[in-house]
């Protein structure tokens, strides 16, 4: 099953961007996944191709119109399309590695990139959009967030990474941040590789890596160690 991504945007030229390079780009060229960038303005009905209007109730900025976006969503995701409909939004549910794995295991995603002050709430409700955030900060639009989400998903598709174990031993995969990494040379500016990593004792190495992962997590992301925090197994 090919993973199909449809991105609704005012700037289709921003895609595939970095997704056309490295592992994601090779997978795109090989047909492991597909990417369609849909120009939202194509679904406006006036000669100016207007996609936004002033906010009801007053206030600064502009709001993307529900009617225009509905036509764009319906074009990209007709009845029967099993793909989830996502809206990149700073008020959305934080994107997690667990959600990334769920998306990678599915048929793809339809991703709406908001602009201006946001999207008419009626469109979100009428088309069942899942609001997704990549962090507690504001971007000029949803396109960079969509690129981040797709990069995280595509690398988990079967055959994209050369070593499938690479995706199993990373930060968040087991509920912890990843342990430190080292490679040659043995000594760098007076710093040496920890002795345990060159001992050849795999049990000791595994224990050290786990200990380091727990230490880093406790220092930098202690909330991940909360008993009620869901973890990816």
Protein backbone atom coordinates (compact mmCIF):
# COMPACT_ATOMS: atom_id res chain seq x y z
CA UNK A 1 0.00 0.00 0.00
CA UNK A 2 1.47 3.33 -1.06
CA UNK A 3 1.39 6.19 1.42
CA UNK A 4 -0.38 9.10 -0.35
CA UNK A 5 0.04 12.66 0.91
CA UNK A 6 -2.11 15.53 -0.35
CA UNK A 7 -1.11 18.97 0.90
CA UNK A 8 -3.54 21.88 0.55
CA UNK A 9 -1.59 25.11 0.45
CA UNK A 10 -1.37 28.63 -0.94
CA UNK A 11 2.26 27.89 -1.81
CA UNK A 12 2.50 24.56 -3.64
CA UNK A 13 5.98 25.49 -4.81
CA UNK A 14 7.16 24.82 -1.24
CA UNK A 15 6.75 21.09 -1.92
CA UNK A 16 8.47 18.68 -2.01
CA UNK A 17 11.35 20.97 -0.89
CA UNK A 18 13.59 18.94 1.46
CA UNK A 19 11.29 15.95 1.02
CA UNK A 20 12.68 15.60 -2.49
CA UNK A 21 16.16 14.91 -1.11
CA UNK A 22 17.92 12.19 0.86
CA UNK A 23 15.90 9.16 2.00
CA UNK A 24 12.50 10.78 1.52
CA UNK A 25 13.42 11.91 -1.97
CA UNK A 26 14.67 8.49 -2.98
CA UNK A 27 11.50 6.91 -1.63
CA UNK A 28 9.39 9.47 -3.51
CA UNK A 29 11.21 8.71 -6.74
CA UNK A 30 10.87 4.97 -6.13
CA UNK A 31 7.11 5.25 -5.63
CA UNK A 32 7.15 4.24 -1.97
CA UNK A 33 5.00 7.29 -1.31
CA UNK A 34 3.39 10.05 -3.35
CA UNK A 35 2.95 13.78 -2.80
CA UNK A 36 0.31 16.04 -4.30
CA UNK A 37 0.40 19.79 -3.63
CA UNK A 38 -3.03 21.37 -4.16
CA UNK A 39 -3.34 25.13 -4.75
CA UNK A 40 -6.18 26.37 -2.53
CA UNK A 41 -6.75 29.46 -4.69
CA UNK A 42 -7.91 27.21 -7.53
CA UNK A 43 -11.12 26.72 -5.57
CA UNK A 44 -11.98 30.40 -5.14
CA UNK A 45 -14.85 31.62 -7.30
CA UNK A 46 -14.08 35.32 -7.76
CA UNK A 47 -11.68 36.81 -10.28
CA UNK A 48 -9.25 37.79 -7.53
CA UNK A 49 -9.11 34.17 -6.28
CA UNK A 50 -9.89 35.32 -2.75
CA UNK A 51 -9.40 32.75 0.01
CA UNK A 52 -9.79 34.89 3.14
CA UNK A 53 -11.97 37.55 4.72
CA UNK A 54 -12.12 39.73 7.83
CA UNK A 55 -12.82 37.95 11.15
CA UNK A 56 -16.39 37.92 12.40
CA UNK A 57 -16.63 40.05 15.52
CA UNK A 58 -13.72 42.21 14.46
CA UNK A 59 -10.04 41.98 15.18
CA UNK A 60 -6.73 41.98 13.38
CA UNK A 61 -5.76 39.86 10.41
CA UNK A 62 -7.77 37.69 8.07
CA UNK A 63 -9.42 34.27 8.32
CA UNK A 64 -9.39 31.56 5.64
CA UNK A 65 -12.88 31.03 4.24
CA UNK A 66 -14.80 27.81 4.95
CA UNK A 67 -16.45 27.60 1.52
CA UNK A 68 -13.21 27.85 -0.45
CA UNK A 69 -11.40 25.40 1.81
CA UNK A 70 -14.30 22.95 1.71
CA UNK A 71 -14.08 22.75 -2.06
CA UNK A 72 -10.33 22.17 -1.84
CA UNK A 73 -10.70 19.46 0.82
CA UNK A 74 -13.49 17.73 -1.10
CA UNK A 75 -11.33 17.71 -4.23
CA UNK A 76 -8.33 16.19 -2.47
CA UNK A 77 -10.36 13.87 -0.24
CA UNK A 78 -13.59 12.71 -1.92
CA UNK A 79 -16.11 10.43 -0.17
CA UNK A 80 -14.58 7.08 0.68
CA UNK A 81 -11.03 8.39 1.06
CA UNK A 82 -9.71 6.60 4.16
CA UNK A 83 -6.91 9.06 4.83
CA UNK A 84 -7.11 11.27 7.93
CA UNK A 85 -7.59 14.99 7.35
CA UNK A 86 -5.06 17.04 9.27
CA UNK A 87 -4.83 20.77 9.90
CA UNK A 88 -1.42 22.08 10.95
CA UNK A 89 -2.24 24.45 13.80
CA UNK A 90 -0.40 25.79 16.90
CA UNK A 91 -3.51 25.06 18.97
CA UNK A 92 -3.60 21.44 17.82
CA UNK A 93 -2.71 18.29 19.72
CA UNK A 94 1.09 17.94 19.94
CA UNK A 95 2.54 15.58 17.36
CA UNK A 96 4.13 12.55 19.00
CA UNK A 97 6.22 9.68 17.74
CA UNK A 98 3.31 7.37 18.52
CA UNK A 99 1.02 9.39 16.23
CA UNK A 100 3.72 9.47 13.57
CA UNK A 101 3.87 5.66 13.64
CA UNK A 102 0.09 5.46 13.34
CA UNK A 103 0.16 7.69 10.27
CA UNK A 104 3.04 5.73 8.72
CA UNK A 105 1.03 2.53 9.08
CA UNK A 106 -1.96 4.04 7.29
CA UNK A 107 -2.86 4.93 3.70
CA UNK A 108 -1.59 8.51 3.85
CA UNK A 109 -2.86 11.91 4.93
CA UNK A 110 -4.62 15.01 3.63
CA UNK A 111 -2.89 18.02 5.18
CA UNK A 112 -4.31 21.53 5.21
CA UNK A 113 -1.80 24.33 5.72
CA UNK A 114 -3.38 27.33 7.37
CA UNK A 115 -2.33 30.93 6.87
CA UNK A 116 -3.24 34.37 8.23
CA UNK A 117 -5.09 34.28 11.59
CA UNK A 118 -6.41 30.79 11.01
CA UNK A 119 -9.22 28.75 9.48
CA UNK A 120 -12.97 29.22 9.86
CA UNK A 121 -14.02 26.88 12.68
CA UNK A 122 -17.01 25.66 10.67
CA UNK A 123 -14.69 24.11 8.10
CA UNK A 124 -12.79 22.26 10.83
CA UNK A 125 -16.02 20.82 12.20
CA UNK A 126 -17.73 20.13 8.87
CA UNK A 127 -14.78 18.25 7.38
CA UNK A 128 -13.59 16.54 10.55
CA UNK A 129 -10.11 18.03 10.57
CA UNK A 130 -7.64 16.81 13.18
CA UNK A 131 -5.62 19.78 14.41
CA UNK A 132 -1.92 18.95 14.82
CA UNK A 133 0.85 21.06 16.35
CA UNK A 134 4.60 20.54 16.05
CA UNK A 135 5.40 22.80 19.01
CA UNK A 136 4.51 25.77 21.16
CA UNK A 137 5.54 28.46 18.69
CA UNK A 138 4.02 30.33 15.77
CA UNK A 139 5.00 29.91 12.12
CA UNK A 140 4.00 32.14 9.22
CA UNK A 141 2.02 29.23 7.81
CA UNK A 142 1.38 25.52 8.09
CA UNK A 143 3.71 24.51 5.26
CA UNK A 144 6.92 24.11 7.33
CA UNK A 145 4.94 22.11 9.89
CA UNK A 146 3.55 19.87 7.15
CA UNK A 147 7.08 19.24 5.88
CA UNK A 148 8.17 18.27 9.39
CA UNK A 149 5.24 15.91 9.84
CA UNK A 150 5.78 14.23 6.47
CA UNK A 151 9.52 13.87 7.03
CA UNK A 152 8.84 12.13 10.36
CA UNK A 153 6.30 9.80 8.75
CA UNK A 154 8.04 8.96 5.49
CA UNK A 155 11.26 7.80 7.13
CA UNK A 156 9.24 5.11 8.93
CA UNK A 157 7.71 3.68 5.76
CA UNK A 158 8.93 0.16 4.95
CA UNK A 159 12.19 0.17 3.05
CA UNK A 160 12.97 3.87 3.45
CA UNK A 161 15.65 3.50 6.14
CA UNK A 162 18.48 1.15 5.27
CA UNK A 163 18.58 -0.28 8.80
CA UNK A 164 15.08 -0.78 10.19
CA UNK A 165 16.50 -0.98 13.73
CA UNK A 166 17.49 2.69 13.43
CA UNK A 167 13.85 3.65 13.86
CA UNK A 168 13.47 1.48 16.94
CA UNK A 169 16.31 2.93 19.00
CA UNK A 170 15.63 6.65 18.72
CA UNK A 171 14.31 9.32 21.07
CA UNK A 172 10.66 8.81 22.09
CA UNK A 173 10.40 5.29 20.65
CA UNK A 174 10.60 3.77 24.14
CA UNK A 175 9.38 6.81 26.03
CA UNK A 176 12.91 8.14 26.62
CA UNK A 177 15.32 10.48 24.92
CA UNK A 178 18.07 8.74 22.98
CA UNK A 179 21.41 7.89 24.57
CA UNK A 180 24.64 9.65 23.48
CA UNK A 181 26.47 8.41 20.37
CA UNK A 182 30.18 8.07 19.64
CA UNK A 183 32.34 6.95 16.73
CA UNK A 184 35.98 7.08 15.57
CA UNK A 185 38.46 8.56 16.31
CA UNK A 186 38.94 6.97 19.74
CA UNK A 187 40.18 10.30 21.11
CA UNK A 188 38.98 13.78 20.09
CA UNK A 189 40.49 16.91 21.66
CA UNK A 190 41.30 15.02 24.83
CA UNK A 191 37.90 13.36 25.06
CA UNK A 192 37.70 9.58 24.70
CA UNK A 193 34.89 7.19 23.88
CA UNK A 194 33.44 5.73 27.12
CA UNK A 195 35.27 2.51 27.91
CA UNK A 196 32.08 0.45 28.11
CA UNK A 197 31.29 1.11 24.43
CA UNK A 198 34.58 -0.48 23.29
CA UNK A 199 34.43 -3.34 25.77
CA UNK A 200 32.60 -5.72 23.47
CA UNK A 201 30.26 -6.62 26.34
CA UNK A 202 26.82 -6.17 24.78
CA UNK A 203 24.94 -6.56 28.04
CA UNK A 204 27.00 -3.81 29.67
CA UNK A 205 26.59 -1.61 26.60
CA UNK A 206 22.81 -2.03 26.62
CA UNK A 207 22.64 -1.24 30.35
CA UNK A 208 24.83 1.86 29.90
CA UNK A 209 22.72 3.14 27.04
CA UNK A 210 19.54 2.67 29.03
CA UNK A 211 21.07 4.44 32.04
CA UNK A 212 22.20 7.35 29.89
CA UNK A 213 18.80 7.61 28.21
CA UNK A 214 17.06 7.75 31.58
CA UNK A 215 19.54 10.37 32.87
CA UNK A 216 19.09 12.63 29.84
CA UNK A 217 15.33 12.28 29.98
CA UNK A 218 15.24 13.15 33.68
CA UNK A 219 17.40 16.22 33.04
CA UNK A 220 15.76 17.55 29.88
CA UNK A 221 12.25 16.11 29.61
CA UNK A 222 11.21 14.87 33.07
CA UNK A 223 7.53 14.89 32.04
CA UNK A 224 8.27 11.90 29.82
CA UNK A 225 8.99 9.87 32.95
CA UNK A 226 5.54 10.55 34.42
CA UNK A 227 3.76 7.25 35.23
CA UNK A 228 0.66 8.32 33.30
CA UNK A 229 2.63 9.39 30.20
CA UNK A 230 1.78 7.05 27.28
CA UNK A 231 4.83 5.38 25.76
CA UNK A 232 5.51 3.70 22.43
CA UNK A 233 6.50 0.08 22.88
